[in-house]
Amino acid sequence: MSKAVEKTLLTDGHVVFREGQPASKVYLITQGEVELLKNTGKALEPISTCRIGDFIGTNTLIDDENYHLTARVKTMATVVPIEKDDVCGKLSKLDKLTLNIIKSVILRSNRILDEK
């Protein structure tokens, strides 16, 4: 995040990104709560609530080009959008062991989401 930090204040109900939408950013939550929802075909089912310090959209960092979930503001939130390419560039500089651990965690998380 070497560039100037751009914070965005979002009101309740605002959709940060939608499941299936092309993923170009990850987001850091600096205020409020953002709910992650999975489309079951019948409805959007809540998966988890993310809070201050959480990153959302990270499941796309390894091998996916689309978001796996929908992120919707639960209580007024401030988020910092970070370009996915910037994060991937930093990840590529990590030692192989650390990078493999991160990949493993993300891939496991993706499999769990696919099972829900």
Protein backbone atom coordinates (compact mmCIF):
# COMPACT_ATOMS: atom_id res chain seq x y z
CA MET A 1 0.00 0.00 0.00
CA SER A 2 2.64 2.48 -1.02
CA LYS A 3 0.12 4.73 -2.73
CA ALA A 4 -2.06 7.21 -0.86
CA VAL A 5 -4.69 5.37 1.18
CA GLU A 6 -8.16 5.88 -0.23
CA LYS A 7 -10.87 5.24 2.36
CA THR A 8 -14.48 4.84 1.34
CA LEU A 9 -17.38 5.31 3.77
CA LEU A 10 -20.28 2.98 2.95
CA THR A 11 -23.79 2.96 4.38
CA ASP A 12 -25.80 -0.02 5.62
CA GLY A 13 -26.85 -2.34 2.80
CA HIS A 14 -24.23 -1.13 0.31
CA VAL A 15 -22.80 -4.01 -1.75
CA VAL A 16 -19.00 -3.85 -1.86
CA PHE A 17 -18.79 -6.67 -4.43
CA ARG A 18 -21.02 -9.45 -5.71
CA GLU A 19 -20.41 -13.17 -6.02
CA GLY A 20 -19.28 -13.96 -9.58
CA GLN A 21 -18.18 -10.38 -10.28
CA PRO A 22 -14.62 -9.96 -11.64
CA ALA A 23 -12.24 -9.41 -8.73
CA SER A 24 -9.82 -6.53 -9.04
CA LYS A 25 -9.51 -5.46 -5.39
CA VAL A 26 -9.30 -6.71 -1.84
CA TYR A 27 -10.62 -4.49 0.94
CA LEU A 28 -9.45 -3.68 4.45
CA ILE A 29 -12.26 -2.84 6.88
CA THR A 30 -11.27 0.10 9.09
CA GLN A 31 -14.70 0.81 10.61
CA GLY A 32 -18.04 -0.98 10.91
CA GLU A 33 -19.09 -4.44 9.78
CA VAL A 34 -19.39 -6.16 6.42
CA GLU A 35 -21.40 -9.35 6.01
CA LEU A 36 -20.26 -12.07 3.60
CA LEU A 37 -23.10 -13.86 1.82
CA LYS A 38 -23.24 -16.98 -0.37
CA ASN A 39 -25.80 -17.37 -3.14
CA THR A 40 -27.57 -20.70 -2.57
CA GLY A 41 -29.77 -20.37 -5.64
CA LYS A 42 -32.74 -19.49 -3.45
CA ALA A 43 -31.32 -16.65 -1.39
CA LEU A 44 -28.17 -14.97 -0.15
CA GLU A 45 -27.18 -16.86 3.00
CA PRO A 46 -24.95 -15.18 5.62
CA ILE A 47 -21.55 -16.88 5.95
CA SER A 48 -19.75 -14.54 8.34
CA THR A 49 -19.44 -10.98 9.57
CA CYS A 50 -16.14 -9.16 9.10
CA ARG A 51 -15.01 -6.31 11.34
CA ILE A 52 -12.25 -3.75 11.82
CA GLY A 53 -8.89 -5.17 10.69
CA ASP A 54 -10.39 -7.88 8.47
CA PHE A 55 -9.63 -8.14 4.77
CA ILE A 56 -12.38 -9.18 2.36
CA GLY A 57 -12.04 -10.47 -1.18
CA THR A 58 -8.82 -12.33 -0.39
CA ASN A 59 -10.12 -15.66 -1.67
CA THR A 60 -9.39 -14.45 -5.20
CA LEU A 61 -5.68 -13.83 -4.62
CA ILE A 62 -4.36 -17.24 -5.66
CA ASP A 63 -6.22 -18.57 -8.66
CA ASP A 64 -9.62 -17.01 -9.10
CA GLU A 65 -10.69 -14.05 -11.14
CA ASN A 66 -14.18 -13.72 -9.65
CA TYR A 67 -15.39 -13.09 -6.11
CA HIS A 68 -16.67 -16.22 -4.32
CA LEU A 69 -19.12 -14.31 -2.12
CA THR A 70 -21.15 -11.14 -1.92
CA ALA A 71 -19.95 -8.53 0.58
CA ARG A 72 -22.66 -6.23 1.95
CA VAL A 73 -22.29 -3.53 4.60
CA LYS A 74 -24.04 -4.58 7.80
CA THR A 75 -23.28 -1.46 9.85
CA MET A 76 -21.85 1.72 8.35
CA ALA A 77 -18.32 0.82 7.31
CA THR A 78 -15.16 2.38 6.04
CA VAL A 79 -13.11 0.23 3.69
CA VAL A 80 -9.76 0.71 2.01
CA PRO A 81 -9.70 -0.79 -1.50
CA ILE A 82 -6.36 -2.33 -2.46
CA GLU A 83 -5.60 -3.37 -6.03
CA LYS A 84 -5.37 -7.16 -6.29
CA ASP A 85 -2.31 -6.81 -8.56
CA ASP A 86 -0.49 -4.82 -5.84
CA VAL A 87 -1.15 -7.55 -3.25
CA CYS A 88 -0.14 -10.32 -5.67
CA GLY A 89 3.08 -8.42 -6.42
CA LYS A 90 3.94 -8.33 -2.73
CA LEU A 91 3.02 -12.01 -2.30
CA SER A 92 5.36 -12.98 -5.14
CA LYS A 93 8.30 -11.54 -3.16
CA LEU A 94 7.72 -13.84 -0.17
CA ASP A 95 9.87 -16.88 0.45
CA LYS A 96 8.48 -20.09 -1.01
CA LEU A 97 7.42 -21.65 2.32
CA THR A 98 5.45 -18.58 3.43
CA LEU A 99 3.79 -18.24 0.02
CA ASN A 100 2.81 -21.92 0.02
CA ILE A 101 1.26 -21.58 3.49
CA ILE A 102 -0.80 -18.58 2.33
CA LYS A 103 -1.88 -20.43 -0.83
CA SER A 104 -2.88 -23.47 1.21
CA VAL A 105 -5.04 -21.41 3.58
CA ILE A 106 -6.77 -19.61 0.72
CA LEU A 107 -7.39 -22.80 -1.27
CA ARG A 108 -8.78 -24.57 1.82
CA SER A 109 -11.06 -21.62 2.47
CA ASN A 110 -12.27 -21.73 -1.14
CA ARG A 111 -13.07 -25.46 -0.85
CA ILE A 112 -15.04 -24.84 2.35
CA LEU A 113 -17.02 -22.09 0.63
CA ASP A 114 -17.76 -24.33 -2.34
CA GLU A 115 -19.17 -26.99 0.02
CA LYS A 116 -21.67 -24.56 1.59
